[in-house]
C-alpha atoms as a PDB file:
ATOM      1  CA  UNK A   1     109.302  98.069  79.976  1.00  0.00           C
ATOM      2  CA  UNK A   2     106.675  98.304  77.258  1.00  0.00           C
ATOM      3  CA  UNK A   3     103.828  95.972  78.112  1.00  0.00           C
ATOM      4  CA  UNK A   4     100.266  95.284  77.075  1.00  0.00           C
ATOM      5  CA  UNK A   5      97.714  93.737  79.406  1.00  0.00           C
ATOM      6  CA  UNK A   6      94.842  91.783  77.876  1.00  0.00           C
ATOM      7  CA  UNK A   7      91.434  90.866  79.340  1.00  0.00           C
ATOM      8  CA  UNK A   8      91.551  93.720  81.849  1.00  0.00           C
ATOM      9  CA  UNK A   9      88.477  94.314  83.959  1.00  0.00           C
ATOM     10  CA  UNK A  10      87.649  97.716  85.475  1.00  0.00           C
ATOM     11  CA  UNK A  11      88.737  96.779  89.003  1.00  0.00           C
ATOM     12  CA  UNK A  12      92.056  95.395  87.721  1.00  0.00           C
ATOM     13  CA  UNK A  13      92.809  98.560  85.765  1.00  0.00           C
ATOM     14  CA  UNK A  14      92.723 100.791  88.830  1.00  0.00           C
ATOM     15  CA  UNK A  15      95.081  98.551  90.808  1.00  0.00           C
ATOM     16  CA  UNK A  16      97.521  98.007  87.943  1.00  0.00           C
ATOM     17  CA  UNK A  17      97.780 101.737  87.266  1.00  0.00           C
ATOM     18  CA  UNK A  18      98.310 102.446  90.970  1.00  0.00           C
ATOM     19  CA  UNK A  19     100.913  99.666  91.397  1.00  0.00           C
ATOM     20  CA  UNK A  20     102.740 100.737  88.254  1.00  0.00           C
ATOM     21  CA  UNK A  21     103.111 104.361  89.409  1.00  0.00           C
ATOM     22  CA  UNK A  22     104.083 105.343  85.831  1.00  0.00           C
ATOM     23  CA  UNK A  23     107.225 103.164  85.926  1.00  0.00           C
ATOM     24  CA  UNK A  24     106.400 101.087  82.859  1.00  0.00           C
ATOM     25  CA  UNK A  25     104.677 101.914  79.574  1.00  0.00           C
ATOM     26  CA  UNK A  26     101.465  99.924  80.080  1.00  0.00           C
ATOM     27  CA  UNK A  27      98.644  99.513  77.601  1.00  0.00           C
ATOM     28  CA  UNK A  28      95.523  98.077  79.213  1.00  0.00           C
ATOM     29  CA  UNK A  29      92.748  96.608  77.068  1.00  0.00           C
ATOM     30  CA  UNK A  30      89.651  94.580  77.829  1.00  0.00           C
ATOM     31  CA  UNK A  31      90.052  92.361  74.737  1.00  0.00           C
ATOM     32  CA  UNK A  32      91.339  88.823  75.135  1.00  0.00           C
ATOM     33  CA  UNK A  33      94.584  87.807  73.457  1.00  0.00           C
ATOM     34  CA  UNK A  34      93.988  85.904  70.234  1.00  0.00           C
ATOM     35  CA  UNK A  35      95.067  86.043  66.590  1.00  0.00           C
ATOM     36  CA  UNK A  36      92.767  89.019  65.943  1.00  0.00           C
ATOM     37  CA  UNK A  37      94.129  91.135  68.821  1.00  0.00           C
ATOM     38  CA  UNK A  38      97.744  90.072  68.300  1.00  0.00           C
ATOM     39  CA  UNK A  39      98.674  93.271  66.389  1.00  0.00           C
ATOM     40  CA  UNK A  40      98.173  95.276  69.600  1.00  0.00           C
ATOM     41  CA  UNK A  41     101.427  93.646  70.826  1.00  0.00           C
ATOM     42  CA  UNK A  42     103.550  95.300  68.164  1.00  0.00           C
ATOM     43  CA  UNK A  43     106.169  97.496  69.812  1.00  0.00           C
ATOM     44  CA  UNK A  44     105.834  95.753  73.177  1.00  0.00           C
ATOM     45  CA  UNK A  45     108.228  93.281  74.811  1.00  0.00           C
ATOM     46  CA  UNK A  46     105.877  92.000  77.528  1.00  0.00           C
ATOM     47  CA  UNK A  47     102.315  90.734  77.482  1.00  0.00           C
ATOM     48  CA  UNK A  48     100.221  90.428  80.608  1.00  0.00           C
ATOM     49  CA  UNK A  49      97.373  87.945  80.339  1.00  0.00           C
ATOM     50  CA  UNK A  50      94.587  86.448  82.402  1.00  0.00           C
ATOM     51  CA  UNK A  51      93.957  82.782  83.051  1.00  0.00           C
ATOM     52  CA  UNK A  52      91.335  82.945  80.286  1.00  0.00           C
ATOM     53  CA  UNK A  53      93.864  83.825  77.565  1.00  0.00           C
ATOM     54  CA  UNK A  54      95.087  80.626  75.895  1.00  0.00           C
ATOM     55  CA  UNK A  55      98.657  80.655  74.569  1.00  0.00           C
ATOM     56  CA  UNK A  56      99.201  77.648  72.337  1.00  0.00           C
ATOM     57  CA  UNK A  57     102.186  76.827  70.139  1.00  0.00           C
ATOM     58  CA  UNK A  58     100.991  78.918  67.177  1.00  0.00           C
ATOM     59  CA  UNK A  59     100.141  82.007  69.210  1.00  0.00           C
ATOM     60  CA  UNK A  60     103.471  81.800  71.064  1.00  0.00           C
ATOM     61  CA  UNK A  61     105.319  81.611  67.749  1.00  0.00           C
ATOM     62  CA  UNK A  62     103.447  84.682  66.515  1.00  0.00           C
ATOM     63  CA  UNK A  63     104.257  86.535  69.751  1.00  0.00           C
ATOM     64  CA  UNK A  64     107.943  85.701  69.343  1.00  0.00           C
ATOM     65  CA  UNK A  65     107.875  86.988  65.751  1.00  0.00           C
ATOM     66  CA  UNK A  66     106.398  90.288  66.966  1.00  0.00           C
ATOM     67  CA  UNK A  67     109.156  90.670  69.580  1.00  0.00           C
ATOM     68  CA  UNK A  68     107.534  89.504  72.814  1.00  0.00           C
ATOM     69  CA  UNK A  69     110.192  88.329  75.290  1.00  0.00           C
ATOM     70  CA  UNK A  70     108.160  88.013  78.490  1.00  0.00           C
ATOM     71  CA  UNK A  71     104.705  86.792  79.479  1.00  0.00           C
ATOM     72  CA  UNK A  72     103.057  87.441  82.817  1.00  0.00           C
ATOM     73  CA  UNK A  73      99.881  85.621  83.704  1.00  0.00           C
ATOM     74  CA  UNK A  74      97.776  87.252  86.371  1.00  0.00           C
ATOM     75  CA  UNK A  75      96.832  83.809  87.661  1.00  0.00           C
ATOM     76  CA  UNK A  76      98.556  81.203  89.773  1.00  0.00           C
ATOM     77  CA  UNK A  77      97.977  78.537  87.135  1.00  0.00           C
ATOM     78  CA  UNK A  78      99.962  78.310  83.923  1.00  0.00           C
ATOM     79  CA  UNK A  79      97.854  75.536  82.389  1.00  0.00           C
ATOM     80  CA  UNK A  80      96.659  77.980  79.694  1.00  0.00           C
ATOM     81  CA  UNK A  81     100.222  78.523  78.433  1.00  0.00           C
ATOM     82  CA  UNK A  82     102.275  76.025  76.440  1.00  0.00           C
ATOM     83  CA  UNK A  83     105.309  76.418  78.719  1.00  0.00           C
ATOM     84  CA  UNK A  84     107.461  73.945  76.794  1.00  0.00           C
ATOM     85  CA  UNK A  85     107.093  75.933  73.580  1.00  0.00           C
ATOM     86  CA  UNK A  86     107.525  79.253  75.382  1.00  0.00           C
ATOM     87  CA  UNK A  87     110.833  77.985  76.765  1.00  0.00           C
ATOM     88  CA  UNK A  88     111.878  76.606  73.367  1.00  0.00           C
ATOM     89  CA  UNK A  89     111.213  80.047  71.866  1.00  0.00           C
ATOM     90  CA  UNK A  90     113.138  81.810  74.633  1.00  0.00           C
ATOM     91  CA  UNK A  91     110.091  83.568  76.063  1.00  0.00           C
ATOM     92  CA  UNK A  92     110.211  83.950  79.850  1.00  0.00           C
ATOM     93  CA  UNK A  93     106.969  83.279  81.708  1.00  0.00           C
ATOM     94  CA  UNK A  94     105.925  84.396  85.182  1.00  0.00           C
ATOM     95  CA  UNK A  95     102.776  83.956  87.214  1.00  0.00           C
ATOM     96  CA  UNK A  96     101.302  85.142  90.513  1.00  0.00           C
ATOM     97  CA  UNK A  97     102.530  82.387  92.852  1.00  0.00           C
ATOM     98  CA  UNK A  98     100.956  83.887  95.963  1.00  0.00           C
ATOM     99  CA  UNK A  99      98.058  82.279  97.776  1.00  0.00           C
ATOM    100  CA  UNK A 100      96.605  85.792  97.823  1.00  0.00           C
ATOM    101  CA  UNK A 101      94.956  86.035  94.410  1.00  0.00           C
ATOM    102  CA  UNK A 102      93.201  89.311  95.207  1.00  0.00           C
ATOM    103  CA  UNK A 103      93.109  92.005  92.537  1.00  0.00           C
ATOM    104  CA  UNK A 104      95.391  94.207  94.649  1.00  0.00           C
ATOM    105  CA  UNK A 105      98.032  91.540  95.211  1.00  0.00           C
ATOM    106  CA  UNK A 106      97.905  90.364  91.605  1.00  0.00           C
ATOM    107  CA  UNK A 107      98.555  93.936  90.413  1.00  0.00           C
ATOM    108  CA  UNK A 108     101.446  94.243  92.872  1.00  0.00           C
ATOM    109  CA  UNK A 109     102.963  90.917  91.721  1.00  0.00           C
ATOM    110  CA  UNK A 110     102.575  91.853  88.052  1.00  0.00           C
ATOM    111  CA  UNK A 111     104.474  95.112  88.492  1.00  0.00           C
ATOM    112  CA  UNK A 112     107.045  93.374  90.713  1.00  0.00           C
ATOM    113  CA  UNK A 113     107.727  90.919  87.884  1.00  0.00           C
ATOM    114  CA  UNK A 114     108.152  93.798  85.412  1.00  0.00           C
ATOM    115  CA  UNK A 115     110.519  95.614  87.787  1.00  0.00           C
ATOM    116  CA  UNK A 116     112.705  92.555  88.308  1.00  0.00           C
ATOM    117  CA  UNK A 117     112.886  91.698  84.605  1.00  0.00           C
ATOM    118  CA  UNK A 118     113.737  95.308  83.764  1.00  0.00           C
ATOM    119  CA  UNK A 119     116.594  95.113  86.298  1.00  0.00           C
ATOM    120  CA  UNK A 120     117.801  91.887  84.626  1.00  0.00           C
ATOM    121  CA  UNK A 121     116.873  89.778  87.622  1.00  0.00           C
ATOM    122  CA  UNK A 122     114.951  86.546  88.089  1.00  0.00           C
ATOM    123  CA  UNK A 123     111.347  86.907  89.268  1.00  0.00           C
ATOM    124  CA  UNK A 124     111.928  84.300  91.982  1.00  0.00           C
ATOM    125  CA  UNK A 125     108.947  82.147  92.906  1.00  0.00           C
ATOM    126  CA  UNK A 126     106.968  83.656  90.013  1.00  0.00           C
ATOM    127  CA  UNK A 127     109.409  82.173  87.489  1.00  0.00           C
ATOM    128  CA  UNK A 128     107.984  79.369  85.349  1.00  0.00           C
ATOM    129  CA  UNK A 129     111.249  78.323  83.642  1.00  0.00           C
ATOM    130  CA  UNK A 130     112.054  74.634  83.925  1.00  0.00           C
ATOM    131  CA  UNK A 131     115.794  75.175  84.294  1.00  0.00           C
ATOM    132  CA  UNK A 132     115.531  78.167  86.615  1.00  0.00           C
ATOM    133  CA  UNK A 133     116.626  77.999  90.198  1.00  0.00           C
ATOM    134  CA  UNK A 134     113.920  80.356  91.409  1.00  0.00           C
ATOM    135  CA  UNK A 135     115.503  80.541  94.837  1.00  0.00           C
ATOM    136  CA  UNK A 136     118.186  82.787  93.296  1.00  0.00           C
ATOM    137  CA  UNK A 137     116.111  85.913  93.789  1.00  0.00           C
ATOM    138  CA  UNK A 138     113.072  85.853  95.989  1.00  0.00           C
ATOM    139  CA  UNK A 139     113.085  89.582  96.675  1.00  0.00           C
END
């Protein structure tokens, strides 16, 4: 999958690259996601964000227009994402549902979500869809 990760810190970069093992086309940038950095998403289908990146209705609409189909937040919380509008736009959202929010585990979970989506599978407990039965695939 072609993905861009925003708000990446140096320690996150190392773990994401290692967890990815060159499976996905990842672009890692330290900039936060906002209207100014939105053009970096062009050509990607997935964005990976931090809990500091706010995705409101307008930004979600712009992401959809660019071709974004999936959003992964590297946090457990999804309070920074307008989930109702993401669902209305058909954008799938996943988080890191684990109690282990370490940089290593978050990188692992992020790549796991990419792998499952690329295989056409549900991301299990990481799925943030309202109508999803996330017990379908907890692999």
